[in-house]
Amino acid sequence: MYSLLLHPLHIPAILRQLDAIGAWEISDEALAGIRKPVLLLTGEEDCITPVEDAETIASHLNDARYIRVPGGGHGMMYQVPDQIAA
């Protein structure tokens, strides 16, 4: 069988990730309390993490550099590595 994956999927790990995503909550105040510089990258074509979510997070951070990556999806570090490196 041909597969594009280098390693088989581990379903229990994926289910734990989904649980963590569903349980994650952070307030605007908690984001504003972050006192370190933050680089926030988002792929313009990410179908898992919407661009609007990244924009909202960036707007509540005190020292954020927010970059929208054209053509980038959720795996943008593999899709457009040269843009990410730049």
PDB file of N, CA and C in Angstrom:
ATOM      1  N   MET A   1       0.839  -1.182   0.000  1.00  0.00           N
ATOM      2  CA  MET A   1       0.000   0.000   0.000  1.00  0.00           C
ATOM      3  C   MET A   1       0.884   1.245   0.000  1.00  0.00           C
ATOM      4  N   TYR A   2       0.545   2.201  -0.834  1.00  0.00           N
ATOM      5  CA  TYR A   2       1.298   3.448  -0.934  1.00  0.00           C
ATOM      6  C   TYR A   2       0.731   4.461   0.052  1.00  0.00           C
ATOM      7  N   SER A   3       1.615   5.162   0.743  1.00  0.00           N
ATOM      8  CA  SER A   3       1.181   6.178   1.693  1.00  0.00           C
ATOM      9  C   SER A   3       2.098   7.383   1.603  1.00  0.00           C
ATOM     10  N   LEU A   4       1.526   8.570   1.699  1.00  0.00           N
ATOM     11  CA  LEU A   4       2.323   9.788   1.739  1.00  0.00           C
ATOM     12  C   LEU A   4       2.892  10.038   3.129  1.00  0.00           C
ATOM     13  N   LEU A   5       2.396   9.308   4.109  1.00  0.00           N
ATOM     14  CA  LEU A   5       2.837   9.499   5.483  1.00  0.00           C
ATOM     15  C   LEU A   5       4.109   8.707   5.749  1.00  0.00           C
ATOM     16  N   LEU A   6       5.039   9.337   6.426  1.00  0.00           N
ATOM     17  CA  LEU A   6       6.266   8.637   6.799  1.00  0.00           C
ATOM     18  C   LEU A   6       6.043   7.727   7.991  1.00  0.00           C
ATOM     19  N   HIS A   7       5.073   8.087   8.828  1.00  0.00           N
ATOM     20  CA  HIS A   7       4.763   7.312  10.019  1.00  0.00           C
ATOM     21  C   HIS A   7       3.255   7.101  10.080  1.00  0.00           C
ATOM     22  N   PRO A   8       2.815   5.952  10.543  1.00  0.00           N
ATOM     23  CA  PRO A   8       1.367   5.722  10.620  1.00  0.00           C
ATOM     24  C   PRO A   8       0.714   6.665  11.634  1.00  0.00           C
ATOM     25  N   LEU A   9      -0.541   6.959  11.397  1.00  0.00           N
ATOM     26  CA  LEU A   9      -1.291   7.794  12.335  1.00  0.00           C
ATOM     27  C   LEU A   9      -1.495   7.043  13.641  1.00  0.00           C
ATOM     28  N   HIS A  10      -1.402   7.755  14.729  1.00  0.00           N
ATOM     29  CA  HIS A  10      -1.650   7.176  16.051  1.00  0.00           C
ATOM     30  C   HIS A  10      -2.962   7.768  16.544  1.00  0.00           C
ATOM     31  N   ILE A  11      -4.036   7.039  16.314  1.00  0.00           N
ATOM     32  CA  ILE A  11      -5.384   7.546  16.572  1.00  0.00           C
ATOM     33  C   ILE A  11      -5.564   8.041  18.009  1.00  0.00           C
ATOM     34  N   PRO A  12      -5.097   7.332  19.041  1.00  0.00           N
ATOM     35  CA  PRO A  12      -5.259   7.859  20.397  1.00  0.00           C
ATOM     36  C   PRO A  12      -4.622   9.244  20.580  1.00  0.00           C
ATOM     37  N   ALA A  13      -3.472   9.472  19.942  1.00  0.00           N
ATOM     38  CA  ALA A  13      -2.819  10.778  20.052  1.00  0.00           C
ATOM     39  C   ALA A  13      -3.652  11.851  19.357  1.00  0.00           C
ATOM     40  N   ILE A  14      -4.214  11.528  18.214  1.00  0.00           N
ATOM     41  CA  ILE A  14      -5.065  12.486  17.506  1.00  0.00           C
ATOM     42  C   ILE A  14      -6.293  12.822  18.341  1.00  0.00           C
ATOM     43  N   LEU A  15      -6.886  11.842  18.971  1.00  0.00           N
ATOM     44  CA  LEU A  15      -8.057  12.084  19.820  1.00  0.00           C
ATOM     45  C   LEU A  15      -7.699  12.954  21.024  1.00  0.00           C
ATOM     46  N   ARG A  16      -6.507  12.754  21.596  1.00  0.00           N
ATOM     47  CA  ARG A  16      -6.068  13.602  22.709  1.00  0.00           C
ATOM     48  C   ARG A  16      -5.862  15.042  22.234  1.00  0.00           C
ATOM     49  N   GLN A  17      -5.335  15.209  21.026  1.00  0.00           N
ATOM     50  CA  GLN A  17      -5.172  16.556  20.475  1.00  0.00           C
ATOM     51  C   GLN A  17      -6.530  17.235  20.319  1.00  0.00           C
ATOM     52  N   LEU A  18      -7.507  16.509  19.814  1.00  0.00           N
ATOM     53  CA  LEU A  18      -8.849  17.072  19.654  1.00  0.00           C
ATOM     54  C   LEU A  18      -9.445  17.461  21.008  1.00  0.00           C
ATOM     55  N   ASP A  19      -9.243  16.628  22.011  1.00  0.00           N
ATOM     56  CA  ASP A  19      -9.714  16.961  23.364  1.00  0.00           C
ATOM     57  C   ASP A  19      -9.051  18.236  23.870  1.00  0.00           C
ATOM     58  N   ALA A  20      -7.746  18.350  23.657  1.00  0.00           N
ATOM     59  CA  ALA A  20      -7.012  19.532  24.123  1.00  0.00           C
ATOM     60  C   ALA A  20      -7.496  20.790  23.406  1.00  0.00           C
ATOM     61  N   ILE A  21      -7.728  20.691  22.114  1.00  0.00           N
ATOM     62  CA  ILE A  21      -8.228  21.842  21.346  1.00  0.00           C
ATOM     63  C   ILE A  21      -9.584  22.266  21.873  1.00  0.00           C
ATOM     64  N   GLY A  22     -10.451  21.294  22.126  1.00  0.00           N
ATOM     65  CA  GLY A  22     -11.792  21.594  22.613  1.00  0.00           C
ATOM     66  C   GLY A  22     -11.812  22.196  24.004  1.00  0.00           C
ATOM     67  N   ALA A  23     -10.827  21.841  24.822  1.00  0.00           N
ATOM     68  CA  ALA A  23     -10.788  22.324  26.200  1.00  0.00           C
ATOM     69  C   ALA A  23     -10.022  23.625  26.364  1.00  0.00           C
ATOM     70  N   TRP A  24      -9.252  24.023  25.345  1.00  0.00           N
ATOM     71  CA  TRP A  24      -8.388  25.197  25.468  1.00  0.00           C
ATOM     72  C   TRP A  24      -9.206  26.468  25.507  1.00  0.00           C
ATOM     73  N   GLU A  25      -8.964  27.248  26.523  1.00  0.00           N
ATOM     74  CA  GLU A  25      -9.603  28.551  26.655  1.00  0.00           C
ATOM     75  C   GLU A  25      -8.560  29.528  27.169  1.00  0.00           C
ATOM     76  N   ILE A  26      -8.600  30.741  26.645  1.00  0.00           N
ATOM     77  CA  ILE A  26      -7.736  31.784  27.163  1.00  0.00           C
ATOM     78  C   ILE A  26      -8.486  33.099  27.042  1.00  0.00           C
ATOM     79  N   SER A  27      -8.359  33.913  28.030  1.00  0.00           N
ATOM     80  CA  SER A  27      -9.082  35.182  28.036  1.00  0.00           C
ATOM     81  C   SER A  27      -8.257  36.277  27.372  1.00  0.00           C
ATOM     82  N   ASP A  28      -8.949  37.332  26.985  1.00  0.00           N
ATOM     83  CA  ASP A  28      -8.262  38.501  26.435  1.00  0.00           C
ATOM     84  C   ASP A  28      -7.260  39.042  27.451  1.00  0.00           C
ATOM     85  N   GLU A  29      -7.640  39.007  28.726  1.00  0.00           N
ATOM     86  CA  GLU A  29      -6.764  39.517  29.785  1.00  0.00           C
ATOM     87  C   GLU A  29      -5.509  38.660  29.914  1.00  0.00           C
ATOM     88  N   ALA A  30      -5.660  37.346  29.777  1.00  0.00           N
ATOM     89  CA  ALA A  30      -4.497  36.463  29.866  1.00  0.00           C
ATOM     90  C   ALA A  30      -3.539  36.724  28.702  1.00  0.00           C
ATOM     91  N   LEU A  31      -4.089  36.935  27.504  1.00  0.00           N
ATOM     92  CA  LEU A  31      -3.237  37.259  26.361  1.00  0.00           C
ATOM     93  C   LEU A  31      -2.513  38.586  26.588  1.00  0.00           C
ATOM     94  N   ALA A  32      -3.237  39.565  27.089  1.00  0.00           N
ATOM     95  CA  ALA A  32      -2.638  40.877  27.345  1.00  0.00           C
ATOM     96  C   ALA A  32      -1.558  40.796  28.421  1.00  0.00           C
ATOM     97  N   GLY A  33      -1.630  39.777  29.261  1.00  0.00           N
ATOM     98  CA  GLY A  33      -0.650  39.612  30.329  1.00  0.00           C
ATOM     99  C   GLY A  33       0.669  39.007  29.868  1.00  0.00           C
ATOM    100  N   ILE A  34       0.733  38.548  28.637  1.00  0.00           N
ATOM    101  CA  ILE A  34       1.981  37.989  28.115  1.00  0.00           C
ATOM    102  C   ILE A  34       2.950  39.137  27.864  1.00  0.00           C
ATOM    103  N   ARG A  35       4.085  39.107  28.520  1.00  0.00           N
ATOM    104  CA  ARG A  35       5.036  40.214  28.478  1.00  0.00           C
ATOM    105  C   ARG A  35       6.288  39.907  27.673  1.00  0.00           C
ATOM    106  N   LYS A  36       6.210  38.999  26.778  1.00  0.00           N
ATOM    107  CA  LYS A  36       7.338  38.634  25.914  1.00  0.00           C
ATOM    108  C   LYS A  36       6.948  38.888  24.462  1.00  0.00           C
ATOM    109  N   PRO A  37       7.922  39.139  23.599  1.00  0.00           N
ATOM    110  CA  PRO A  37       7.610  39.281  22.174  1.00  0.00           C
ATOM    111  C   PRO A  37       7.065  37.962  21.620  1.00  0.00           C
ATOM    112  N   VAL A  38       6.104  38.070  20.737  1.00  0.00           N
ATOM    113  CA  VAL A  38       5.470  36.892  20.150  1.00  0.00           C
ATOM    114  C   VAL A  38       5.482  37.032  18.631  1.00  0.00           C
ATOM    115  N   LEU A  39       5.914  35.981  17.954  1.00  0.00           N
ATOM    116  CA  LEU A  39       5.807  35.912  16.502  1.00  0.00           C
ATOM    117  C   LEU A  39       4.638  34.994  16.199  1.00  0.00           C
ATOM    118  N   LEU A  40       3.646  35.517  15.524  1.00  0.00           N
ATOM    119  CA  LEU A  40       2.438  34.760  15.214  1.00  0.00           C
ATOM    120  C   LEU A  40       2.343  34.623  13.696  1.00  0.00           C
ATOM    121  N   LEU A  41       2.510  33.399  13.210  1.00  0.00           N
ATOM    122  CA  LEU A  41       2.416  33.104  11.781  1.00  0.00           C
ATOM    123  C   LEU A  41       1.119  32.366  11.529  1.00  0.00           C
ATOM    124  N   THR A  42       0.446  32.724  10.459  1.00  0.00           N
ATOM    125  CA  THR A  42      -0.752  31.980  10.081  1.00  0.00           C
ATOM    126  C   THR A  42      -0.797  31.845   8.569  1.00  0.00           C
ATOM    127  N   GLY A  43      -1.180  30.678   8.121  1.00  0.00           N
ATOM    128  CA  GLY A  43      -1.325  30.446   6.687  1.00  0.00           C
ATOM    129  C   GLY A  43      -2.664  30.977   6.211  1.00  0.00           C
ATOM    130  N   GLU A  44      -2.652  31.706   5.121  1.00  0.00           N
ATOM    131  CA  GLU A  44      -3.897  32.283   4.605  1.00  0.00           C
ATOM    132  C   GLU A  44      -4.897  31.219   4.165  1.00  0.00           C
ATOM    133  N   GLU A  45      -4.419  30.009   3.925  1.00  0.00           N
ATOM    134  CA  GLU A  45      -5.309  28.942   3.465  1.00  0.00           C
ATOM    135  C   GLU A  45      -5.422  27.805   4.487  1.00  0.00           C
ATOM    136  N   ASP A  46      -5.183  28.120   5.745  1.00  0.00           N
ATOM    137  CA  ASP A  46      -5.266  27.119   6.810  1.00  0.00           C
ATOM    138  C   ASP A  46      -6.736  26.794   7.059  1.00  0.00           C
ATOM    139  N   CYS A  47      -7.121  25.556   6.806  1.00  0.00           N
ATOM    140  CA  CYS A  47      -8.519  25.159   6.986  1.00  0.00           C
ATOM    141  C   CYS A  47      -8.790  24.631   8.398  1.00  0.00           C
ATOM    142  N   ILE A  48      -7.761  24.535   9.221  1.00  0.00           N
ATOM    143  CA  ILE A  48      -7.943  24.042  10.586  1.00  0.00           C
ATOM    144  C   ILE A  48      -7.942  25.194  11.589  1.00  0.00           C
ATOM    145  N   THR A  49      -7.021  26.129  11.433  1.00  0.00           N
ATOM    146  CA  THR A  49      -6.945  27.291  12.312  1.00  0.00           C
ATOM    147  C   THR A  49      -7.256  28.534  11.481  1.00  0.00           C
ATOM    148  N   PRO A  50      -8.449  29.085  11.616  1.00  0.00           N
ATOM    149  CA  PRO A  50      -8.838  30.225  10.780  1.00  0.00           C
ATOM    150  C   PRO A  50      -7.951  31.454  10.994  1.00  0.00           C
ATOM    151  N   VAL A  51      -7.717  32.184   9.918  1.00  0.00           N
ATOM    152  CA  VAL A  51      -6.926  33.412   9.962  1.00  0.00           C
ATOM    153  C   VAL A  51      -7.523  34.378  10.989  1.00  0.00           C
ATOM    154  N   GLU A  52      -8.824  34.438  11.056  1.00  0.00           N
ATOM    155  CA  GLU A  52      -9.483  35.357  11.992  1.00  0.00           C
ATOM    156  C   GLU A  52      -9.112  35.067  13.443  1.00  0.00           C
ATOM    157  N   ASP A  53      -8.903  33.805  13.780  1.00  0.00           N
ATOM    158  CA  ASP A  53      -8.492  33.456  15.142  1.00  0.00           C
ATOM    159  C   ASP A  53      -7.112  34.027  15.446  1.00  0.00           C
ATOM    160  N   ALA A  54      -6.198  33.891  14.503  1.00  0.00           N
ATOM    161  CA  ALA A  54      -4.850  34.431  14.696  1.00  0.00           C
ATOM    162  C   ALA A  54      -4.886  35.945  14.811  1.00  0.00           C
ATOM    163  N   GLU A  55      -5.721  36.589  14.006  1.00  0.00           N
ATOM    164  CA  GLU A  55      -5.840  38.043  14.072  1.00  0.00           C
ATOM    165  C   GLU A  55      -6.366  38.484  15.434  1.00  0.00           C
ATOM    166  N   THR A  56      -7.328  37.766  15.963  1.00  0.00           N
ATOM    167  CA  THR A  56      -7.874  38.091  17.281  1.00  0.00           C
ATOM    168  C   THR A  56      -6.815  37.935  18.360  1.00  0.00           C
ATOM    169  N   ILE A  57      -6.074  36.838  18.306  1.00  0.00           N
ATOM    170  CA  ILE A  57      -5.007  36.620  19.291  1.00  0.00           C
ATOM    171  C   ILE A  57      -3.973  37.738  19.194  1.00  0.00           C
ATOM    172  N   ALA A  58      -3.534  38.049  17.986  1.00  0.00           N
ATOM    173  CA  ALA A  58      -2.521  39.097  17.795  1.00  0.00           C
ATOM    174  C   ALA A  58      -3.002  40.442  18.321  1.00  0.00           C
ATOM    175  N   SER A  59      -4.277  40.726  18.168  1.00  0.00           N
ATOM    176  CA  SER A  59      -4.795  42.026  18.605  1.00  0.00           C
ATOM    177  C   SER A  59      -4.794  42.195  20.118  1.00  0.00           C
ATOM    178  N   HIS A  60      -4.709  41.090  20.850  1.00  0.00           N
ATOM    179  CA  HIS A  60      -4.714  41.158  22.314  1.00  0.00           C
ATOM    180  C   HIS A  60      -3.326  41.040  22.927  1.00  0.00           C
ATOM    181  N   LEU A  61      -2.325  40.799  22.104  1.00  0.00           N
ATOM    182  CA  LEU A  61      -0.961  40.690  22.615  1.00  0.00           C
ATOM    183  C   LEU A  61      -0.288  42.059  22.582  1.00  0.00           C
ATOM    184  N   ASN A  62       0.529  42.326  23.587  1.00  0.00           N
ATOM    185  CA  ASN A  62       1.202  43.624  23.691  1.00  0.00           C
ATOM    186  C   ASN A  62       2.336  43.795  22.696  1.00  0.00           C
ATOM    187  N   ASP A  63       3.072  42.726  22.432  1.00  0.00           N
ATOM    188  CA  ASP A  63       4.261  42.827  21.596  1.00  0.00           C
ATOM    189  C   ASP A  63       4.254  41.681  20.592  1.00  0.00           C
ATOM    190  N   ALA A  64       3.345  41.775  19.608  1.00  0.00           N
ATOM    191  CA  ALA A  64       3.204  40.696  18.633  1.00  0.00           C
ATOM    192  C   ALA A  64       3.606  41.158  17.250  1.00  0.00           C
ATOM    193  N   ARG A  65       4.302  40.289  16.574  1.00  0.00           N
ATOM    194  CA  ARG A  65       4.533  40.472  15.144  1.00  0.00           C
ATOM    195  C   ARG A  65       3.678  39.412  14.468  1.00  0.00           C
ATOM    196  N   TYR A  66       2.718  39.869  13.694  1.00  0.00           N
ATOM    197  CA  TYR A  66       1.744  38.985  13.062  1.00  0.00           C
ATOM    198  C   TYR A  66       2.008  38.937  11.565  1.00  0.00           C
ATOM    199  N   ILE A  67       2.183  37.726  11.034  1.00  0.00           N
ATOM    200  CA  ILE A  67       2.481  37.549   9.619  1.00  0.00           C
ATOM    201  C   ILE A  67       1.504  36.535   9.030  1.00  0.00           C
ATOM    202  N   ARG A  68       0.807  36.974   7.966  1.00  0.00           N
ATOM    203  CA  ARG A  68      -0.040  36.070   7.192  1.00  0.00           C
ATOM    204  C   ARG A  68       0.798  35.535   6.038  1.00  0.00           C
ATOM    205  N   VAL A  69       0.842  34.225   5.918  1.00  0.00           N
ATOM    206  CA  VAL A  69       1.680  33.589   4.920  1.00  0.00           C
ATOM    207  C   VAL A  69       0.828  33.218   3.703  1.00  0.00           C
ATOM    208  N   PRO A  70       1.035  33.907   2.571  1.00  0.00           N
ATOM    209  CA  PRO A  70       0.267  33.590   1.371  1.00  0.00           C
ATOM    210  C   PRO A  70       0.520  32.156   0.910  1.00  0.00           C
ATOM    211  N   GLY A  71      -0.547  31.466   0.572  1.00  0.00           N
ATOM    212  CA  GLY A  71      -0.430  30.098   0.083  1.00  0.00           C
ATOM    213  C   GLY A  71      -0.196  29.066   1.166  1.00  0.00           C
ATOM    214  N   GLY A  72      -0.054  29.508   2.402  1.00  0.00           N
ATOM    215  CA  GLY A  72       0.216  28.579   3.497  1.00  0.00           C
ATOM    216  C   GLY A  72      -1.052  27.975   4.051  1.00  0.00           C
ATOM    217  N   GLY A  73      -1.009  26.686   4.259  1.00  0.00           N
ATOM    218  CA  GLY A  73      -2.101  25.986   4.933  1.00  0.00           C
ATOM    219  C   GLY A  73      -1.667  25.630   6.342  1.00  0.00           C
ATOM    220  N   HIS A  74      -2.306  24.635   6.918  1.00  0.00           N
ATOM    221  CA  HIS A  74      -1.979  24.237   8.285  1.00  0.00           C
ATOM    222  C   HIS A  74      -0.567  23.650   8.361  1.00  0.00           C
ATOM    223  N   GLY A  75      -0.082  23.104   7.266  1.00  0.00           N
ATOM    224  CA  GLY A  75       1.280  22.553   7.217  1.00  0.00           C
ATOM    225  C   GLY A  75       2.223  23.472   6.462  1.00  0.00           C
ATOM    226  N   MET A  76       2.065  24.769   6.675  1.00  0.00           N
ATOM    227  CA  MET A  76       2.809  25.747   5.883  1.00  0.00           C
ATOM    228  C   MET A  76       4.316  25.596   5.996  1.00  0.00           C
ATOM    229  N   MET A  77       4.822  25.068   7.090  1.00  0.00           N
ATOM    230  CA  MET A  77       6.268  24.905   7.224  1.00  0.00           C
ATOM    231  C   MET A  77       6.805  23.888   6.231  1.00  0.00           C
ATOM    232  N   TYR A  78       5.924  23.026   5.711  1.00  0.00           N
ATOM    233  CA  TYR A  78       6.303  22.072   4.679  1.00  0.00           C
ATOM    234  C   TYR A  78       5.895  22.554   3.287  1.00  0.00           C
ATOM    235  N   GLN A  79       4.813  23.325   3.228  1.00  0.00           N
ATOM    236  CA  GLN A  79       4.289  23.795   1.950  1.00  0.00           C
ATOM    237  C   GLN A  79       5.115  24.947   1.371  1.00  0.00           C
ATOM    238  N   VAL A  80       5.485  25.876   2.219  1.00  0.00           N
ATOM    239  CA  VAL A  80       6.203  27.064   1.762  1.00  0.00           C
ATOM    240  C   VAL A  80       7.394  27.340   2.692  1.00  0.00           C
ATOM    241  N   PRO A  81       8.338  26.407   2.799  1.00  0.00           N
ATOM    242  CA  PRO A  81       9.423  26.542   3.761  1.00  0.00           C
ATOM    243  C   PRO A  81      10.306  27.769   3.525  1.00  0.00           C
ATOM    244  N   ASP A  82      10.486  28.163   2.291  1.00  0.00           N
ATOM    245  CA  ASP A  82      11.326  29.330   2.022  1.00  0.00           C
ATOM    246  C   ASP A  82      10.688  30.607   2.566  1.00  0.00           C
ATOM    247  N   GLN A  83       9.365  30.716   2.434  1.00  0.00           N
ATOM    248  CA  GLN A  83       8.676  31.889   2.994  1.00  0.00           C
ATOM    249  C   GLN A  83       8.773  31.887   4.520  1.00  0.00           C
ATOM    250  N   ILE A  84       8.629  30.736   5.136  1.00  0.00           N
ATOM    251  CA  ILE A  84       8.703  30.636   6.591  1.00  0.00           C
ATOM    252  C   ILE A  84      10.112  31.016   7.053  1.00  0.00           C
ATOM    253  N   ALA A  85      11.122  30.512   6.371  1.00  0.00           N
ATOM    254  CA  ALA A  85      12.506  30.801   6.758  1.00  0.00           C
ATOM    255  C   ALA A  85      12.837  32.283   6.608  1.00  0.00           C
ATOM    256  N   ALA A  86      12.256  32.925   5.604  1.00  0.00           N
ATOM    257  CA  ALA A  86      12.536  34.343   5.384  1.00  0.00           C
ATOM    258  C   ALA A  86      11.957  35.174   6.515  1.00  0.00           C
TER     259      ALA A  86
END
